[in-house]
Amino acid sequence: MAAKWIEMVTGSLEQKKQYKQYQRRLEALPEPYRAAAKAVQRYLMYAGGVVDGETLVTMNGDLVDLWERAAADGTPVRDIVGENPAEFAEDFARAYTGTQWIDKERARLNKAIDDAERGEPE
């Protein structure tokens, strides 16, 4: 019972466990893969806009898988991210559909305009 209440407040405990597992795997990567993966992950957290926990966990798992494979194969970091790492990260994020923070703001803007058109106050 307490777990359900806690999850209602904080979100899925299972997703948090998965996220922490992915973080441990990321920390275990050899350099320069660890530094590159952490930089891409940080960028995704700010620019990816994903707020849906399930999508975020999946995206992080796939990111760690990508860097683990690159490290195992000895693939150079630039061969993964290319000449524009921000573009790589944004393309990576676009592959994951889910609720993004901007979706809420779009809905809020649309409602505000509809209300204004009808003469209703905010």
Protein backbone atom coordinates (compact mmCIF):
# COMPACT_ATOMS: atom_id res chain seq x y z
CA MET A 1 0.00 0.00 0.00
CA ALA A 2 2.77 2.44 0.91
CA ALA A 3 4.58 1.71 -2.35
CA LYS A 4 1.51 2.70 -4.38
CA TRP A 5 1.17 5.93 -2.44
CA ILE A 6 4.86 6.70 -2.90
CA GLU A 7 4.62 5.96 -6.64
CA MET A 8 1.65 8.28 -6.87
CA VAL A 9 3.83 11.08 -5.53
CA THR A 10 7.22 10.26 -7.04
CA GLY A 11 6.50 8.14 -10.09
CA SER A 12 7.29 4.53 -10.87
CA LEU A 13 9.79 2.91 -8.52
CA GLU A 14 10.62 0.33 -11.20
CA GLN A 15 11.54 3.10 -13.64
CA LYS A 16 13.78 4.65 -11.00
CA LYS A 17 15.52 1.29 -10.50
CA GLN A 18 16.04 0.92 -14.25
CA TYR A 19 17.36 4.47 -14.52
CA LYS A 20 19.86 3.87 -11.72
CA GLN A 21 20.96 0.62 -13.39
CA TYR A 22 21.57 2.51 -16.65
CA GLN A 23 23.54 5.13 -14.72
CA ARG A 24 25.78 2.43 -13.24
CA ARG A 25 26.37 0.98 -16.71
CA LEU A 26 27.18 4.44 -18.04
CA GLU A 27 29.68 5.01 -15.22
CA ALA A 28 31.33 1.67 -16.05
CA LEU A 29 32.13 2.74 -19.62
CA PRO A 30 35.80 3.31 -20.42
CA GLU A 31 36.98 6.77 -21.41
CA PRO A 32 36.35 8.56 -23.74
CA TYR A 33 32.98 6.81 -24.11
CA ARG A 34 31.88 7.59 -20.56
CA ALA A 35 32.54 11.31 -20.97
CA ALA A 36 30.83 11.43 -24.35
CA ALA A 37 27.82 9.41 -23.17
CA LYS A 38 27.41 11.59 -20.09
CA ALA A 39 27.60 14.74 -22.20
CA VAL A 40 24.97 13.45 -24.64
CA GLN A 41 22.74 12.29 -21.78
CA ARG A 42 22.98 15.70 -20.09
CA TYR A 43 22.07 17.43 -23.35
CA LEU A 44 19.10 15.09 -23.82
CA MET A 45 17.82 15.89 -20.34
CA TYR A 46 17.76 19.59 -21.17
CA ALA A 47 16.98 19.63 -24.88
CA GLY A 48 15.16 16.32 -25.39
CA GLY A 49 12.05 17.62 -23.66
CA VAL A 50 10.80 14.15 -22.71
CA VAL A 51 8.76 14.14 -19.50
CA ASP A 52 7.18 10.71 -19.80
CA GLY A 53 9.10 8.42 -17.43
CA GLU A 54 8.74 5.29 -19.53
CA THR A 55 10.04 7.02 -22.66
CA LEU A 56 12.89 8.60 -20.73
CA VAL A 57 13.98 5.27 -19.27
CA THR A 58 13.83 3.58 -22.68
CA MET A 59 15.83 6.39 -24.27
CA ASN A 60 18.49 6.21 -21.56
CA GLY A 61 18.74 2.43 -21.88
CA ASP A 62 19.20 2.69 -25.63
CA LEU A 63 21.81 5.41 -25.19
CA VAL A 64 23.84 3.25 -22.81
CA ASP A 65 23.50 0.27 -25.18
CA LEU A 66 24.81 2.42 -28.04
CA TRP A 67 27.89 3.53 -26.10
CA GLU A 68 28.58 0.05 -24.73
CA ARG A 69 28.56 -1.34 -28.28
CA ALA A 70 30.79 1.50 -29.50
CA ALA A 71 33.26 0.86 -26.67
CA ALA A 72 33.27 -2.90 -27.30
CA ASP A 73 33.85 -2.37 -31.03
CA GLY A 74 36.39 0.42 -30.51
CA THR A 75 34.31 2.80 -32.63
CA PRO A 76 35.69 6.35 -32.39
CA VAL A 77 33.41 8.80 -30.56
CA ARG A 78 33.23 11.12 -33.60
CA ASP A 79 32.00 8.21 -35.72
CA ILE A 80 29.02 8.02 -33.35
CA VAL A 81 28.17 11.70 -32.86
CA GLY A 82 29.52 13.12 -36.11
CA GLU A 83 30.71 16.69 -36.57
CA ASN A 84 27.68 18.17 -34.79
CA PRO A 85 27.04 16.37 -31.48
CA ALA A 86 23.99 18.55 -30.70
CA GLU A 87 22.39 17.52 -33.99
CA PHE A 88 23.15 13.87 -33.20
CA ALA A 89 21.50 14.19 -29.77
CA GLU A 90 18.44 15.96 -31.17
CA ASP A 91 18.04 13.33 -33.89
CA PHE A 92 18.42 10.63 -31.24
CA ALA A 93 15.70 12.26 -29.09
CA ARG A 94 13.32 12.57 -32.06
CA ALA A 95 13.31 8.79 -32.36
CA TYR A 96 11.42 8.61 -29.04
CA THR A 97 7.82 9.61 -29.01
CA GLY A 98 6.25 10.48 -25.73
CA THR A 99 4.91 13.38 -23.77
CA GLN A 100 7.23 16.36 -23.84
CA TRP A 101 7.13 19.46 -21.66
CA ILE A 102 6.30 21.59 -24.68
CA ASP A 103 3.12 19.56 -25.29
CA LYS A 104 1.65 20.95 -22.06
CA GLU A 105 2.58 24.49 -23.09
CA ARG A 106 1.09 24.04 -26.56
CA ALA A 107 -2.18 22.89 -25.00
CA ARG A 108 -2.10 25.81 -22.56
CA LEU A 109 -1.52 28.30 -25.39
CA ASN A 110 -4.31 26.81 -27.52
CA LYS A 111 -6.74 26.94 -24.58
CA ALA A 112 -5.79 30.53 -23.75
CA ILE A 113 -6.43 31.62 -27.34
CA ASP A 114 -9.74 29.72 -27.45
CA ASP A 115 -10.79 31.31 -24.15
CA ALA A 116 -9.75 34.76 -25.36
CA GLU A 117 -11.72 34.29 -28.54
CA ARG A 118 -14.83 33.41 -26.50
CA GLY A 119 -14.20 36.37 -24.17
CA GLU A 120 -13.56 34.13 -21.14
CA PRO A 121 -11.01 35.24 -18.55
CA GLU A 122 -8.03 33.04 -17.73
